[in-house]
Protein backbone atom coordinates (compact mmCIF):
# COMPACT_ATOMS: atom_id res chain seq x y z
CA MET A 1 34.87 199.83 -30.00
CA VAL A 2 38.87 200.85 -30.23
CA LYS A 3 40.00 201.93 -33.74
CA LEU A 4 43.52 202.11 -34.11
CA THR A 5 44.78 204.23 -37.31
CA LYS A 6 48.21 205.29 -36.43
CA ILE A 7 50.66 203.08 -34.41
CA TYR A 8 53.24 205.55 -33.83
CA THR A 9 52.52 208.80 -32.06
CA ARG A 10 55.78 210.24 -31.28
CA GLY A 11 54.03 211.42 -28.16
CA GLY A 12 56.21 209.29 -25.97
CA ASP A 13 59.45 210.43 -27.33
CA GLY A 14 60.02 212.54 -24.15
CA GLY A 15 59.42 210.03 -21.65
CA GLN A 16 55.78 210.40 -21.22
CA THR A 17 52.50 208.85 -21.85
CA SER A 18 48.94 209.53 -22.06
CA LEU A 19 46.82 207.79 -19.46
CA SER A 20 43.16 206.77 -20.89
CA ASP A 21 41.89 209.79 -19.66
CA GLY A 22 43.93 211.74 -21.64
CA SER A 23 46.36 213.04 -18.76
CA ARG A 24 50.18 212.82 -19.09
CA VAL A 25 52.66 210.97 -17.03
CA ALA A 26 56.16 209.50 -17.05
CA LYS A 27 56.62 206.50 -18.39
CA ASP A 28 57.71 204.73 -15.25
CA ASP A 29 54.99 206.20 -13.49
CA LEU A 30 53.24 203.49 -11.01
CA ARG A 31 50.29 203.52 -12.80
CA VAL A 32 52.03 202.55 -16.30
CA ALA A 33 54.20 199.98 -14.62
CA ALA A 34 50.99 198.24 -13.07
CA TYR A 35 49.32 197.97 -16.36
CA GLY A 36 52.57 197.18 -18.32
CA ASP A 37 53.00 194.38 -16.06
CA VAL A 38 49.44 193.25 -16.95
CA ASP A 39 50.26 193.45 -20.48
CA GLU A 40 53.15 191.43 -20.13
CA LEU A 41 50.98 188.79 -18.16
CA ASN A 42 48.50 188.90 -21.09
CA ALA A 43 51.77 187.91 -23.29
CA VAL A 44 52.65 184.97 -21.22
CA VAL A 45 49.15 183.78 -21.26
CA GLY A 46 49.02 183.92 -24.99
CA LEU A 47 52.11 181.60 -24.81
CA ALA A 48 50.51 178.99 -22.44
CA ARG A 49 47.43 178.73 -24.68
CA LEU A 50 49.93 177.50 -27.64
CA HIS A 51 50.13 174.36 -25.49
CA ALA A 52 46.34 174.49 -24.18
CA ASP A 53 43.13 173.10 -25.52
CA GLY A 54 39.64 172.38 -24.23
CA ASP A 55 38.05 174.03 -21.05
CA VAL A 56 41.75 175.30 -19.98
CA ASP A 57 42.09 177.19 -23.43
CA GLU A 58 38.48 178.55 -22.79
CA MET A 59 39.59 180.09 -19.38
CA LEU A 60 42.73 181.18 -20.45
CA SER A 61 40.80 182.92 -23.44
CA ARG A 62 38.49 184.41 -20.76
CA ILE A 63 41.42 185.71 -18.65
CA GLN A 64 43.24 187.41 -21.67
CA ASN A 65 40.14 189.46 -22.01
CA ASP A 66 39.88 190.32 -18.38
CA LEU A 67 43.46 191.39 -18.37
CA PHE A 68 42.65 193.87 -21.34
CA ASP A 69 39.43 195.09 -19.04
CA LEU A 70 42.10 195.15 -16.12
CA GLY A 71 44.57 197.28 -18.10
CA ALA A 72 41.96 199.67 -18.93
CA ASP A 73 40.76 199.80 -15.47
CA LEU A 74 44.36 200.66 -14.07
CA ALA A 75 45.08 203.04 -16.86
CA THR A 76 41.85 205.36 -15.63
CA PRO A 77 42.21 207.53 -12.76
CA ILE A 78 39.55 207.18 -10.39
CA VAL A 79 37.86 210.76 -10.50
CA ALA A 80 34.31 211.94 -8.91
CA ASP A 81 32.51 212.84 -12.10
CA PRO A 82 34.10 211.18 -15.13
CA LYS A 83 33.05 212.43 -18.60
CA TYR A 84 32.37 208.89 -19.76
CA PRO A 85 31.75 205.66 -17.58
CA PRO A 86 35.08 203.97 -17.41
CA LEU A 87 35.57 200.30 -17.79
CA ARG A 88 36.03 198.81 -14.29
CA MET A 89 36.92 194.95 -12.99
CA VAL A 90 34.02 193.78 -11.19
CA ASP A 91 33.14 191.19 -8.46
CA ALA A 92 31.70 188.79 -10.90
CA GLN A 93 35.44 188.38 -12.79
CA VAL A 94 36.75 187.66 -9.25
CA ASP A 95 33.73 185.23 -8.50
CA ARG A 96 34.35 183.40 -11.73
CA LEU A 97 37.85 182.88 -10.87
CA GLU A 98 37.33 181.60 -7.55
CA GLY A 99 34.76 179.24 -8.89
CA GLU A 100 37.20 178.02 -11.46
CA ILE A 101 39.77 177.36 -8.69
CA ASP A 102 37.43 175.48 -6.72
CA LYS A 103 36.26 173.51 -9.37
CA LEU A 104 40.07 172.35 -10.52
CA GLY A 105 41.24 171.86 -6.86
CA GLU A 106 38.47 168.80 -6.57
CA ALA A 107 40.72 166.68 -8.88
CA LEU A 108 43.97 167.75 -7.66
CA ALA A 109 46.59 165.69 -5.47
CA ALA A 110 46.91 166.65 -2.00
CA LEU A 111 50.06 168.67 -1.64
CA ASN A 112 52.91 167.33 0.94
CA SER A 113 55.47 169.81 -0.35
CA PHE A 114 55.86 173.04 -2.40
CA VAL A 115 55.77 172.78 -6.18
CA LEU A 116 58.56 173.61 -8.10
CA PRO A 117 57.84 175.29 -11.47
CA GLY A 118 57.84 172.63 -14.13
CA GLY A 119 56.37 169.59 -15.18
CA SER A 120 54.61 169.63 -18.46
CA THR A 121 55.14 172.63 -21.19
CA LEU A 122 51.64 173.97 -20.20
CA ALA A 123 52.42 174.06 -16.42
CA ALA A 124 55.68 175.53 -17.09
CA HIS A 125 53.98 178.42 -18.86
CA LEU A 126 51.35 178.75 -16.27
CA HIS A 127 53.85 178.93 -13.38
CA MET A 128 55.40 181.85 -15.31
CA ALA A 129 52.06 183.57 -15.84
CA ARG A 130 51.79 182.84 -12.00
CA THR A 131 54.82 184.71 -11.22
CA VAL A 132 54.22 187.61 -13.52
CA ALA A 133 50.40 187.92 -12.05
CA ARG A 134 52.27 188.05 -8.80
CA ARG A 135 54.51 191.07 -9.87
CA ALA A 136 51.72 192.98 -11.49
CA GLU A 137 49.74 192.60 -8.02
CA ARG A 138 52.74 193.92 -6.41
CA GLN A 139 53.00 197.01 -8.66
CA ALA A 140 49.03 197.46 -8.04
CA THR A 141 49.65 197.66 -4.45
CA ALA A 142 52.10 199.83 -4.82
CA LEU A 143 49.90 202.18 -6.97
CA ALA A 144 47.17 201.44 -4.55
CA ARG A 145 49.59 203.27 -1.68
CA GLU A 146 49.76 206.39 -3.90
CA ALA A 147 46.37 206.64 -5.47
CA GLU A 148 43.03 205.45 -5.20
CA ILE A 149 42.37 202.40 -7.91
CA ASN A 150 39.55 199.89 -7.98
CA PRO A 151 39.68 197.08 -4.93
CA ALA A 152 37.99 194.38 -7.19
CA ALA A 153 41.22 194.96 -9.65
CA LEU A 154 43.52 194.16 -6.77
CA ARG A 155 41.20 191.03 -5.80
CA TYR A 156 41.48 189.70 -9.42
CA LEU A 157 44.92 189.94 -9.40
CA ASN A 158 45.24 188.29 -6.03
CA ARG A 159 43.22 185.43 -7.49
CA LEU A 160 44.70 185.09 -10.72
CA SER A 161 48.01 183.74 -9.12
CA ASP A 162 46.09 181.16 -7.31
CA HIS A 163 44.15 180.20 -10.73
CA PHE A 164 47.50 180.01 -12.58
CA PHE A 165 48.85 177.77 -9.76
CA GLN A 166 45.70 175.67 -9.81
CA LEU A 167 45.74 175.09 -13.64
CA ALA A 168 49.63 174.23 -13.81
CA ARG A 169 48.84 171.49 -11.63
CA HIS A 170 46.19 170.40 -13.61
CA ALA A 171 48.21 170.54 -16.57
CA ASN A 172 50.55 167.99 -14.48
CA ASN A 173 48.10 165.45 -14.66
CA ASP A 174 45.85 166.69 -11.77
CA GLY A 175 49.45 167.03 -9.55
CA ALA A 176 50.67 163.73 -10.27
CA GLY A 177 53.26 165.00 -12.64
CA ASP A 178 54.11 168.00 -10.25
CA VAL A 179 57.98 168.80 -9.74
CA LEU A 180 58.21 168.87 -5.89
CA TRP A 181 60.60 170.93 -3.76
CA VAL A 182 62.87 168.48 -1.78
CA PRO A 183 64.28 170.76 1.16
CA GLY A 184 67.85 170.41 1.03
CA ALA A 185 68.26 167.92 -1.40
CA ASN A 186 71.55 169.04 -2.88
CA ARG A 187 73.42 169.84 0.34
């Protein structure tokens, strides 16, 4: 269990931070950017939860916990013989998202256009979460070009944006309240 006894350390005053293995990197390192975007995503999910209840809130609660797992995974470089076993994302977390995406999709109205972010307050927050998830995925993909990362972490982020899209449509009365794009409507 994590125990925080002091919030500030002054260790980052020079523009560097420590990864979970103790190594020091610049605060604008791709690894730090990737887990920073995941942290921001978790905050956006927290805002969405203010408007959620029941099964949706339970899903978002699980996702928030997964996002801390994901941040820990991204903050821990992959090494051959780690001193302690690192926390890594696993395929079961991706599988759970896929199952929830499929279940949500069963009730959704068919799409005849692209969906604009909006509709209900919850849906708007979930669309924001979807876009931040995509940014986090782009950062993790950039990191993966420079360093080895857990493939399940990338798969999780990829499914997560789809999950938020499905949840947003669910929050918009299973798609009946979606705001649809009308190409060229304001020409």
